[in-house]
Amino acid sequence: MLVQSENTLRRGLEVSQPRISYNFAIRVSLIASLGGFLFGFETAVISGAEKLIQQFWSLSSFWQGFTVASSLIGTVIGSLVAGMPAQKYGRKKVLSVIALLYLVSAIGCASTSVWLFFVLFRMIGGLAVGASSVVGPMYISEIAPPRIRGKLAGSFQLMIVGGIFVAYLTNFLFVNMGDSGWRWMLGIMVIPALLFAVLLFFIPESPRWLVLKNRDDEAEVIFSKTGEADALRVIREEHELSRQGAKESLFNGKYNKPIIYAVMLAMFNQLSGINAILYYAPRIFEMTGFSKDQAYLLPIYIGSANLIFTLLAMSVIDKFGRKKLLIIGSIGMIVFLALTANAFNHNITGDSFVIFYLIGFIAFFAFSQGAVIWVFISEIFPNSVRSQGGAMGSFTHWVMAAIISWTFPVIVEGNANGGFYSFVFYSGMMLLSLIFIYKFMPETKGRSLEQIQKELGIK
């Protein structure tokens, strides 16, 4: 009888406390985050190709601006519509469609000689970026154990900045290839897109989505593989929370807090001016007096700083917490954006410190807003509305990105002090961001997704 009791207890411990190994969760998260690499590459590659494209099709300034922004139109749409199929058909299936869209976009943009088709393929790439920004972080946050969720969800941002860095590097390598240089810049994305599509065959569906579809046995197996110490408890809590919010709309008043946090963080992310710098980096450096070769080389340094400080943020995000990183970053961005504005105001030329100011800004952005945004938005919404909440946060982000990207060249080209006014505005927005984060933003580190909901008063 005693031996039988001991065996029963041992079996119970094996169920409630499986071996804690995060290798599976890390491997799966890295594969899912490859969508972030393509996201970053697609976002930044146009900065090197835009002038070559303008010359190839002899585009006016208006149509050149439309061509560059066509991807953002797709991005806004992709971020808006991605939540519904992710909720209905599963995160993994939508990720596979995203990989296919990236592949089609890369092949199409690199091969077409018809401007209208080029714009269409740019929009398809934008659809993939917008959908990636919703589904990628959502999938990773749902599969990651609480202790390392910040690092794993943050790996999506790490891949984004890796893609940005590679885009700047390949732009520099291909810029002197003549009229076909832009084709190489855009077409090289075929390689990571194909790799992403193949590797997705080897990852499971999100266990929390499986719970939502009452496929508990499958979910339990995946939870156990990811290192979740008590899979049955998580499944039970998910069912409880899903039942409570099963037929509720995101906008019924119950989720006001996470909605406000997601929208404000997404807005401030873009009001820093980050996409103006990423989209127009060579142009910004030429405006401050650098030569063409230098204008294409210097963005590589920005991409390197982005990558290094994102890595640093990933190493401390689960220790310091999301809120502390955001506060530190806001202070640094205020200072370096103000210094950049001052440089424009005094018409300092190419031997100035502008490159150091922009690297300083990128470093603090990567350490804070860049590292935190997709982690935080993917954490604060309940399972039953997570796809809707993620889509709304991403939609806000990309609408603001479109506004900033469209207005920046208009302001700097239409006014002698346009650069000064732009960077003063961005610095002021980061001051407002600091106040909002300090006074209102909650901390989510170390909590399960279910605990976060309870602390936000969502029942």
Protein backbone atom coordinates (compact mmCIF):
# COMPACT_ATOMS: atom_id res chain seq x y z
CA MET A 1 0.00 0.00 0.00
CA LEU A 2 2.84 2.37 0.93
CA VAL A 3 4.72 1.55 -2.28
CA GLN A 4 1.54 2.13 -4.29
CA SER A 5 1.04 5.53 -2.59
CA GLU A 6 4.62 6.52 -3.32
CA ASN A 7 4.21 5.57 -6.98
CA THR A 8 0.98 7.56 -7.19
CA LEU A 9 2.69 10.59 -5.61
CA ARG A 10 5.64 10.27 -7.98
CA ARG A 11 3.33 10.14 -10.99
CA GLY A 12 1.48 13.17 -9.66
CA LEU A 13 4.73 15.11 -9.30
CA GLU A 14 5.74 14.16 -12.83
CA VAL A 15 2.48 15.58 -14.14
CA SER A 16 2.48 18.75 -12.07
CA GLN A 17 6.21 19.43 -12.38
CA PRO A 18 7.60 18.15 -15.67
CA ARG A 19 11.23 18.55 -16.49
CA ILE A 20 11.98 22.25 -16.84
CA SER A 21 13.67 22.65 -20.19
CA TYR A 22 13.15 25.72 -22.32
CA ASN A 23 15.01 24.41 -25.39
CA PHE A 24 11.83 23.57 -27.28
CA ALA A 25 10.21 26.94 -26.52
CA ILE A 26 13.38 28.79 -27.55
CA ARG A 27 13.71 26.87 -30.83
CA VAL A 28 10.06 27.34 -31.80
CA SER A 29 10.08 31.03 -30.85
CA LEU A 30 13.17 31.70 -32.97
CA ILE A 31 11.52 30.11 -36.00
CA ALA A 32 8.35 32.17 -35.49
CA SER A 33 10.41 35.31 -35.04
CA LEU A 34 11.89 34.97 -38.55
CA GLY A 35 8.77 36.82 -39.63
CA GLY A 36 10.24 39.74 -37.68
CA PHE A 37 13.47 39.55 -39.69
CA LEU A 38 11.48 39.86 -42.91
CA PHE A 39 9.42 42.63 -41.30
CA GLY A 40 12.60 44.63 -40.57
CA PHE A 41 14.14 43.96 -43.96
CA GLU A 42 10.99 44.98 -45.86
CA THR A 43 10.72 48.16 -43.76
CA ALA A 44 14.30 49.38 -44.23
CA VAL A 45 15.29 48.14 -47.69
CA ILE A 46 13.33 50.86 -49.50
CA SER A 47 15.61 53.53 -48.00
CA GLY A 48 18.38 52.41 -50.35
CA ALA A 49 16.23 51.63 -53.37
CA GLU A 50 13.94 54.68 -53.42
CA LYS A 51 16.13 57.01 -55.52
CA LEU A 52 17.08 54.27 -57.99
CA ILE A 53 13.39 53.41 -58.41
CA GLN A 54 12.54 57.06 -58.97
CA GLN A 55 15.14 57.26 -61.77
CA PHE A 56 14.07 53.95 -63.34
CA TRP A 57 10.42 55.00 -63.78
CA SER A 58 11.05 58.78 -63.96
CA LEU A 59 8.61 59.38 -61.12
CA SER A 60 7.56 62.80 -59.91
CA SER A 61 7.97 63.59 -56.20
CA PHE A 62 4.28 62.88 -55.58
CA TRP A 63 4.30 59.44 -57.22
CA GLN A 64 7.68 58.63 -55.70
CA GLY A 65 6.21 59.30 -52.27
CA PHE A 66 3.22 57.11 -53.11
CA THR A 67 5.51 54.31 -54.30
CA VAL A 68 7.53 54.36 -51.09
CA ALA A 69 4.38 54.55 -48.95
CA SER A 70 2.51 51.83 -50.87
CA SER A 71 3.98 49.22 -48.56
CA LEU A 72 2.57 51.10 -45.56
CA ILE A 73 -0.90 50.98 -47.09
CA GLY A 74 -0.61 47.20 -47.18
CA THR A 75 0.83 47.20 -43.68
CA VAL A 76 -2.13 49.08 -42.21
CA ILE A 77 -4.55 46.68 -43.91
CA GLY A 78 -2.55 43.62 -42.87
CA SER A 79 -2.45 44.68 -39.22
CA LEU A 80 -6.19 45.35 -39.27
CA VAL A 81 -7.34 42.06 -40.80
CA ALA A 82 -4.77 39.57 -39.40
CA GLY A 83 -6.51 39.07 -36.06
CA MET A 84 -9.64 37.42 -37.46
CA PRO A 85 -8.01 34.54 -39.40
CA ALA A 86 -5.50 34.04 -36.56
CA GLN A 87 -8.42 33.56 -34.17
CA LYS A 88 -10.40 31.32 -36.53
CA TYR A 89 -7.77 29.22 -38.28
CA GLY A 90 -4.84 29.35 -35.86
CA ARG A 91 -1.61 31.28 -35.47
CA LYS A 92 0.56 28.76 -37.33
CA LYS A 93 -1.58 28.71 -40.49
CA VAL A 94 -1.56 32.52 -40.68
CA LEU A 95 2.23 32.59 -40.21
CA SER A 96 2.54 30.24 -43.20
CA VAL A 97 0.42 32.57 -45.34
CA ILE A 98 2.60 35.49 -44.21
CA ALA A 99 5.73 33.64 -45.35
CA LEU A 100 4.14 33.09 -48.75
CA LEU A 101 3.25 36.79 -49.05
CA TYR A 102 6.86 37.79 -48.30
CA LEU A 103 8.08 35.37 -50.96
CA VAL A 104 5.64 36.64 -53.61
CA SER A 105 6.51 40.26 -52.79
CA ALA A 106 10.27 39.70 -53.09
CA ILE A 107 10.02 37.86 -56.41
CA GLY A 108 7.52 40.33 -57.82
CA CYS A 109 9.33 43.52 -56.82
CA ALA A 110 12.66 42.26 -58.14
CA SER A 111 11.38 41.01 -61.50
CA THR A 112 8.66 43.40 -62.69
CA SER A 113 9.29 46.27 -65.09
CA VAL A 114 5.74 47.62 -64.78
CA TRP A 115 5.38 50.35 -62.15
CA LEU A 116 1.78 49.43 -61.26
CA PHE A 117 2.77 45.82 -60.61
CA PHE A 118 5.71 47.01 -58.52
CA VAL A 119 3.34 49.01 -56.31
CA LEU A 120 1.05 45.97 -56.03
CA PHE A 121 3.91 43.72 -54.93
CA ARG A 122 5.05 46.37 -52.43
CA MET A 123 1.53 46.35 -50.97
CA ILE A 124 1.65 42.56 -50.71
CA GLY A 125 4.90 42.87 -48.77
CA GLY A 126 3.22 45.45 -46.57
CA LEU A 127 0.33 43.05 -45.89
CA ALA A 128 2.89 40.52 -44.67
CA VAL A 129 4.60 43.10 -42.42
CA GLY A 130 1.31 44.22 -40.87
CA ALA A 131 0.13 40.66 -40.28
CA SER A 132 3.57 39.68 -38.89
CA SER A 133 3.43 42.46 -36.32
CA VAL A 134 0.17 41.00 -34.99
CA VAL A 135 0.57 37.24 -35.25
CA GLY A 136 4.31 36.77 -34.61
CA PRO A 137 4.46 38.31 -31.10
CA MET A 138 1.05 36.78 -30.28
CA TYR A 139 2.23 33.26 -31.12
CA ILE A 140 5.50 33.63 -29.20
CA SER A 141 3.86 35.09 -26.07
CA GLU A 142 1.32 32.26 -26.05
CA ILE A 143 3.94 29.53 -26.24
CA ALA A 144 6.62 31.08 -23.98
CA PRO A 145 6.93 30.21 -20.25
CA PRO A 146 6.48 33.28 -17.97
CA ARG A 147 10.10 33.29 -16.73
CA ILE A 148 11.54 33.86 -20.19
CA ARG A 149 8.55 35.31 -22.05
CA GLY A 150 10.15 38.76 -22.24
CA LYS A 151 13.26 37.37 -23.91
CA LEU A 152 11.36 35.13 -26.30
CA ALA A 153 8.69 37.66 -27.30
CA GLY A 154 11.51 40.20 -27.55
CA SER A 155 13.31 37.91 -30.01
CA PHE A 156 10.76 39.12 -32.56
CA GLN A 157 12.08 42.67 -32.14
CA LEU A 158 15.65 41.36 -32.25
CA MET A 159 14.88 39.78 -35.60
CA ILE A 160 13.32 43.04 -36.81
CA VAL A 161 16.50 44.99 -36.10
CA GLY A 162 18.54 42.15 -37.60
CA GLY A 163 16.50 42.53 -40.77
CA ILE A 164 17.01 46.30 -40.74
CA PHE A 165 20.77 45.86 -40.34
CA VAL A 166 20.97 43.34 -43.21
CA ALA A 167 18.85 45.64 -45.41
CA TYR A 168 21.23 48.56 -44.82
CA LEU A 169 24.20 46.30 -45.47
CA THR A 170 22.86 44.85 -48.74
CA ASN A 171 21.77 48.33 -49.87
CA PHE A 172 25.37 49.48 -49.45
CA LEU A 173 26.69 46.43 -51.30
CA PHE A 174 24.30 46.77 -54.25
CA VAL A 175 24.13 50.58 -54.61
CA ASN A 176 26.86 50.72 -57.26
CA MET A 177 25.41 47.94 -59.44
CA GLY A 178 23.84 50.43 -61.82
CA ASP A 179 20.21 50.50 -62.91
CA SER A 180 19.58 46.96 -61.64
CA GLY A 181 20.89 47.61 -58.14
CA TRP A 182 17.40 48.12 -56.71
CA ARG A 183 16.31 44.71 -58.03
CA TRP A 184 19.07 43.01 -56.06
CA MET A 185 18.24 45.05 -52.95
CA LEU A 186 14.60 43.94 -53.00
CA GLY A 187 15.05 40.46 -54.47
CA ILE A 188 17.54 39.15 -51.91
CA MET A 189 14.59 38.82 -49.50
CA VAL A 190 13.62 35.62 -51.33
CA ILE A 191 16.24 33.67 -49.33
CA PRO A 192 14.98 34.38 -45.77
CA ALA A 193 11.33 34.23 -46.95
CA LEU A 194 11.85 30.72 -48.34
CA LEU A 195 13.70 29.63 -45.18
CA PHE A 196 10.85 30.97 -43.03
CA ALA A 197 8.23 29.09 -45.07
CA VAL A 198 10.12 25.78 -44.77
CA LEU A 199 10.89 26.03 -41.03
CA LEU A 200 7.26 26.77 -40.14
CA PHE A 201 6.46 23.13 -40.94
CA PHE A 202 8.41 22.16 -37.81
CA ILE A 203 6.59 24.27 -35.20
CA PRO A 204 3.36 23.38 -33.35
CA GLU A 205 0.16 25.37 -33.13
CA SER A 206 -0.16 27.84 -30.23
CA PRO A 207 -1.28 25.84 -27.16
CA ARG A 208 -3.51 28.67 -25.94
CA TRP A 209 -5.29 28.76 -29.30
CA LEU A 210 -5.79 24.99 -29.00
CA VAL A 211 -7.37 25.52 -25.59
CA LEU A 212 -9.65 28.13 -27.13
CA LYS A 213 -10.77 25.43 -29.60
CA ASN A 214 -11.20 22.81 -26.80
CA ARG A 215 -8.26 20.74 -28.00
CA ASP A 216 -6.90 20.37 -24.47
CA ASP A 217 -4.94 17.13 -24.95
CA GLU A 218 -2.87 18.64 -27.76
CA ALA A 219 -2.37 21.83 -25.75
CA GLU A 220 -1.18 19.90 -22.69
CA VAL A 221 1.50 18.10 -24.70
CA ILE A 222 2.82 21.38 -26.14
CA PHE A 223 2.71 23.17 -22.76
CA SER A 224 4.75 20.33 -21.23
CA LYS A 225 7.35 20.56 -24.01
CA THR A 226 7.75 24.30 -23.51
CA GLY A 227 8.61 23.89 -19.81
CA GLU A 228 5.26 24.89 -18.32
CA ALA A 229 5.36 23.47 -14.77
CA ASP A 230 1.58 22.99 -14.42
CA ALA A 231 -0.04 22.61 -17.82
CA LEU A 232 -3.40 21.47 -16.43
CA ARG A 233 -3.70 24.55 -14.23
CA VAL A 234 -2.98 26.87 -17.18
CA ILE A 235 -5.54 25.07 -19.33
CA ARG A 236 -8.12 25.31 -16.54
CA GLU A 237 -7.48 29.05 -16.09
CA GLU A 238 -7.65 29.64 -19.83
CA HIS A 239 -11.04 27.91 -20.04
CA GLU A 240 -12.29 29.98 -17.14
CA LEU A 241 -11.18 33.29 -18.68
CA SER A 242 -12.30 32.29 -22.18
CA ARG A 243 -15.79 31.41 -20.95
CA GLN A 244 -16.06 34.78 -19.23
CA GLY A 245 -15.09 36.68 -22.41
CA ALA A 246 -16.26 34.22 -25.04
CA LYS A 247 -18.86 36.40 -26.76
CA GLU A 248 -17.61 39.81 -25.74
CA SER A 249 -16.40 42.57 -28.00
CA LEU A 250 -13.00 44.15 -27.42
CA PHE A 251 -14.76 47.52 -27.13
CA ASN A 252 -17.40 46.70 -24.51
CA GLY A 253 -15.69 48.73 -21.78
CA LYS A 254 -14.21 45.75 -19.96
CA TYR A 255 -10.89 46.01 -21.74
CA ASN A 256 -10.43 49.78 -21.63
CA LYS A 257 -7.17 49.61 -19.67
CA PRO A 258 -5.27 47.29 -22.04
CA ILE A 259 -6.70 49.18 -25.03
CA ILE A 260 -5.40 52.52 -23.69
CA TYR A 261 -1.98 51.04 -22.86
CA ALA A 262 -1.63 49.39 -26.30
CA VAL A 263 -2.79 52.43 -28.27
CA MET A 264 -0.67 54.94 -26.34
CA LEU A 265 2.48 52.80 -26.47
CA ALA A 266 2.01 52.20 -30.22
CA MET A 267 1.49 55.92 -30.83
CA PHE A 268 4.53 57.00 -28.82
CA ASN A 269 6.63 54.35 -30.54
CA GLN A 270 6.15 56.12 -33.88
CA LEU A 271 6.01 59.66 -32.51
CA SER A 272 9.67 59.17 -31.63
CA GLY A 273 10.35 59.58 -35.36
CA ILE A 274 11.89 56.13 -35.68
CA ASN A 275 10.35 55.29 -39.05
CA ALA A 276 11.28 58.68 -40.52
CA ILE A 277 14.90 57.85 -39.68
CA LEU A 278 14.69 54.24 -40.92
CA TYR A 279 12.92 55.15 -44.19
CA TYR A 280 15.00 58.23 -45.02
CA ALA A 281 18.37 57.56 -43.37
CA PRO A 282 20.52 58.16 -46.49
CA ARG A 283 18.50 61.28 -47.30
CA ILE A 284 18.91 62.64 -43.75
CA PHE A 285 22.69 62.21 -43.94
CA GLU A 286 22.84 63.89 -47.34
CA MET A 287 20.81 66.80 -45.88
CA THR A 288 23.50 67.29 -43.24
CA GLY A 289 26.30 67.37 -45.82
CA PHE A 290 27.56 63.80 -46.15
CA SER A 291 28.50 62.40 -49.57
CA LYS A 292 26.39 59.75 -51.33
CA ASP A 293 28.75 56.90 -50.38
CA GLN A 294 28.82 58.06 -46.77
CA ALA A 295 25.02 58.46 -46.77
CA TYR A 296 24.67 54.76 -47.64
CA LEU A 297 27.46 53.62 -45.30
CA LEU A 298 26.37 55.48 -42.15
CA PRO A 299 22.97 53.70 -41.86
CA ILE A 300 24.96 50.49 -41.31
CA TYR A 301 26.27 52.03 -38.08
CA ILE A 302 22.70 52.89 -37.08
CA GLY A 303 21.64 49.32 -37.85
CA SER A 304 24.56 47.98 -35.79
CA ALA A 305 23.62 50.12 -32.78
CA ASN A 306 20.01 49.02 -33.15
CA LEU A 307 21.07 45.38 -33.07
CA ILE A 308 23.54 45.69 -30.18
CA PHE A 309 21.19 47.58 -27.88
CA THR A 310 18.25 45.31 -28.70
CA LEU A 311 20.44 42.38 -27.64
CA LEU A 312 21.27 44.24 -24.44
CA ALA A 313 17.58 44.91 -23.78
CA MET A 314 16.71 41.26 -24.36
CA SER A 315 19.29 40.22 -21.78
CA VAL A 316 17.72 42.36 -19.04
CA ILE A 317 14.03 42.71 -19.95
CA ASP A 318 12.93 39.86 -17.67
CA LYS A 319 15.13 41.15 -14.86
CA PHE A 320 14.56 44.92 -15.01
CA GLY A 321 11.02 44.76 -16.35
CA ARG A 322 9.26 46.47 -19.23
CA LYS A 323 8.42 49.73 -17.46
CA LYS A 324 11.95 50.49 -16.28
CA LEU A 325 13.35 50.01 -19.80
CA LEU A 326 10.71 52.36 -21.20
CA ILE A 327 11.55 55.07 -18.65
CA ILE A 328 15.31 54.85 -19.27
CA GLY A 329 14.78 54.90 -23.03
CA SER A 330 12.44 57.90 -22.95
CA ILE A 331 15.01 60.00 -21.09
CA GLY A 332 17.78 59.11 -23.55
CA MET A 333 15.60 59.73 -26.60
CA ILE A 334 14.56 63.16 -25.33
CA VAL A 335 18.21 64.19 -25.04
CA PHE A 336 19.49 62.83 -28.37
CA LEU A 337 16.49 63.99 -30.41
CA ALA A 338 16.98 67.48 -28.97
CA LEU A 339 20.68 67.38 -29.90
CA THR A 340 19.79 66.31 -33.45
CA ALA A 341 17.31 69.18 -33.71
CA ASN A 342 20.01 71.58 -32.55
CA ALA A 343 22.37 70.26 -35.22
CA PHE A 344 19.79 70.98 -37.94
CA ASN A 345 19.10 74.41 -36.48
CA HIS A 346 22.76 75.41 -36.82
CA ASN A 347 23.13 73.90 -40.32
CA ILE A 348 26.05 71.75 -39.25
CA THR A 349 27.63 69.93 -42.19
CA GLY A 350 28.91 66.40 -42.77
CA ASP A 351 31.78 66.57 -40.29
CA SER A 352 29.27 67.14 -37.45
CA PHE A 353 28.17 64.92 -34.60
CA VAL A 354 24.79 64.16 -36.21
CA ILE A 355 25.74 60.52 -36.72
CA PHE A 356 26.54 60.20 -33.00
CA TYR A 357 23.27 61.85 -32.02
CA LEU A 358 21.27 59.52 -34.23
CA ILE A 359 23.17 56.47 -32.99
CA GLY A 360 22.46 57.63 -29.42
CA PHE A 361 18.77 57.95 -30.24
CA ILE A 362 18.67 54.52 -31.89
CA ALA A 363 20.47 52.97 -28.92
CA PHE A 364 17.92 54.26 -26.40
CA PHE A 365 15.00 53.45 -28.73
CA ALA A 366 16.22 49.87 -29.20
CA PHE A 367 16.77 49.48 -25.44
CA SER A 368 13.23 50.60 -24.65
CA GLN A 369 10.39 51.18 -27.11
CA GLY A 370 11.84 48.88 -29.74
CA ALA A 371 12.35 45.98 -27.35
CA VAL A 372 9.15 46.39 -25.33
CA ILE A 373 6.30 47.26 -27.71
CA TRP A 374 5.56 43.85 -29.24
CA VAL A 375 6.21 42.07 -25.93
CA PHE A 376 3.86 44.31 -23.97
CA ILE A 377 1.01 44.41 -26.48
CA SER A 378 1.06 40.62 -26.79
CA GLU A 379 0.86 40.24 -22.99
CA ILE A 380 -1.96 42.51 -21.83
CA PHE A 381 -5.01 41.14 -23.66
CA PRO A 382 -6.94 38.01 -22.60
CA ASN A 383 -6.85 34.92 -24.81
CA SER A 384 -10.42 35.44 -26.04
CA VAL A 385 -9.63 38.89 -27.48
CA ARG A 386 -5.84 38.73 -27.84
CA SER A 387 -5.95 38.60 -31.63
CA GLN A 388 -8.29 41.63 -31.71
CA GLY A 389 -6.17 43.56 -29.20
CA GLY A 390 -2.93 42.75 -30.98
CA ALA A 391 -4.45 43.81 -34.29
CA MET A 392 -5.63 47.10 -32.80
CA GLY A 393 -2.21 47.89 -31.28
CA SER A 394 -0.44 47.02 -34.51
CA PHE A 395 -2.98 48.98 -36.58
CA THR A 396 -2.36 52.07 -34.43
CA HIS A 397 1.39 51.62 -34.80
CA TRP A 398 1.24 51.43 -38.60
CA VAL A 399 -1.22 54.28 -39.06
CA MET A 400 1.16 56.48 -37.06
CA ALA A 401 4.10 55.12 -39.09
CA ALA A 402 2.34 56.13 -42.29
CA ILE A 403 1.63 59.63 -40.96
CA ILE A 404 5.21 60.17 -39.78
CA SER A 405 6.73 58.75 -42.97
CA TRP A 406 4.52 60.90 -45.22
CA THR A 407 4.94 64.14 -43.27
CA PHE A 408 8.71 64.02 -42.71
CA PRO A 409 9.84 64.68 -46.32
CA VAL A 410 7.09 67.28 -46.77
CA ILE A 411 8.24 69.18 -43.67
CA VAL A 412 11.98 69.00 -44.31
CA GLU A 413 11.73 69.88 -48.01
CA GLY A 414 9.09 72.58 -47.60
CA ASN A 415 10.84 74.54 -44.86
CA ALA A 416 14.45 75.62 -44.40
CA ASN A 417 14.24 74.62 -40.73
CA GLY A 418 12.10 71.55 -41.36
CA GLY A 419 14.65 69.18 -39.86
CA PHE A 420 14.85 71.28 -36.71
CA TYR A 421 11.07 71.42 -36.27
CA SER A 422 10.67 67.69 -36.90
CA PHE A 423 13.20 66.60 -34.30
CA VAL A 424 11.96 69.14 -31.73
CA PHE A 425 8.50 67.64 -32.16
CA TYR A 426 9.81 64.08 -31.73
CA SER A 427 11.73 65.09 -28.60
CA GLY A 428 8.61 66.73 -27.13
CA MET A 429 6.57 63.59 -27.81
CA MET A 430 9.11 61.53 -25.90
CA LEU A 431 8.72 63.86 -22.92
CA LEU A 432 4.96 63.16 -22.96
CA SER A 433 5.76 59.46 -23.34
CA LEU A 434 7.95 59.55 -20.22
CA ILE A 435 5.15 61.14 -18.18
CA PHE A 436 2.57 58.60 -19.38
CA ILE A 437 4.82 55.59 -18.77
CA TYR A 438 5.90 56.74 -15.31
CA LYS A 439 2.40 57.55 -14.07
CA PHE A 440 0.17 54.95 -15.75
CA MET A 441 1.92 51.97 -17.35
CA PRO A 442 1.76 48.67 -15.41
CA GLU A 443 4.64 46.21 -15.02
CA THR A 444 4.14 42.72 -16.51
CA LYS A 445 7.48 40.97 -15.92
CA GLY A 446 7.44 37.51 -14.34
CA ARG A 447 3.65 37.15 -14.44
CA SER A 448 1.68 34.57 -16.39
CA LEU A 449 -0.68 35.92 -19.02
CA GLU A 450 -3.56 34.91 -16.76
CA GLN A 451 -2.09 36.79 -13.76
CA ILE A 452 -1.67 39.95 -15.85
CA GLN A 453 -5.36 39.87 -16.74
CA LYS A 454 -6.35 39.57 -13.09
CA GLU A 455 -4.06 42.44 -12.04
CA LEU A 456 -5.64 44.63 -14.72
CA GLY A 457 -9.03 43.85 -13.21
CA ILE A 458 -10.21 41.74 -16.15
CA LYS A 459 -12.51 38.98 -14.87
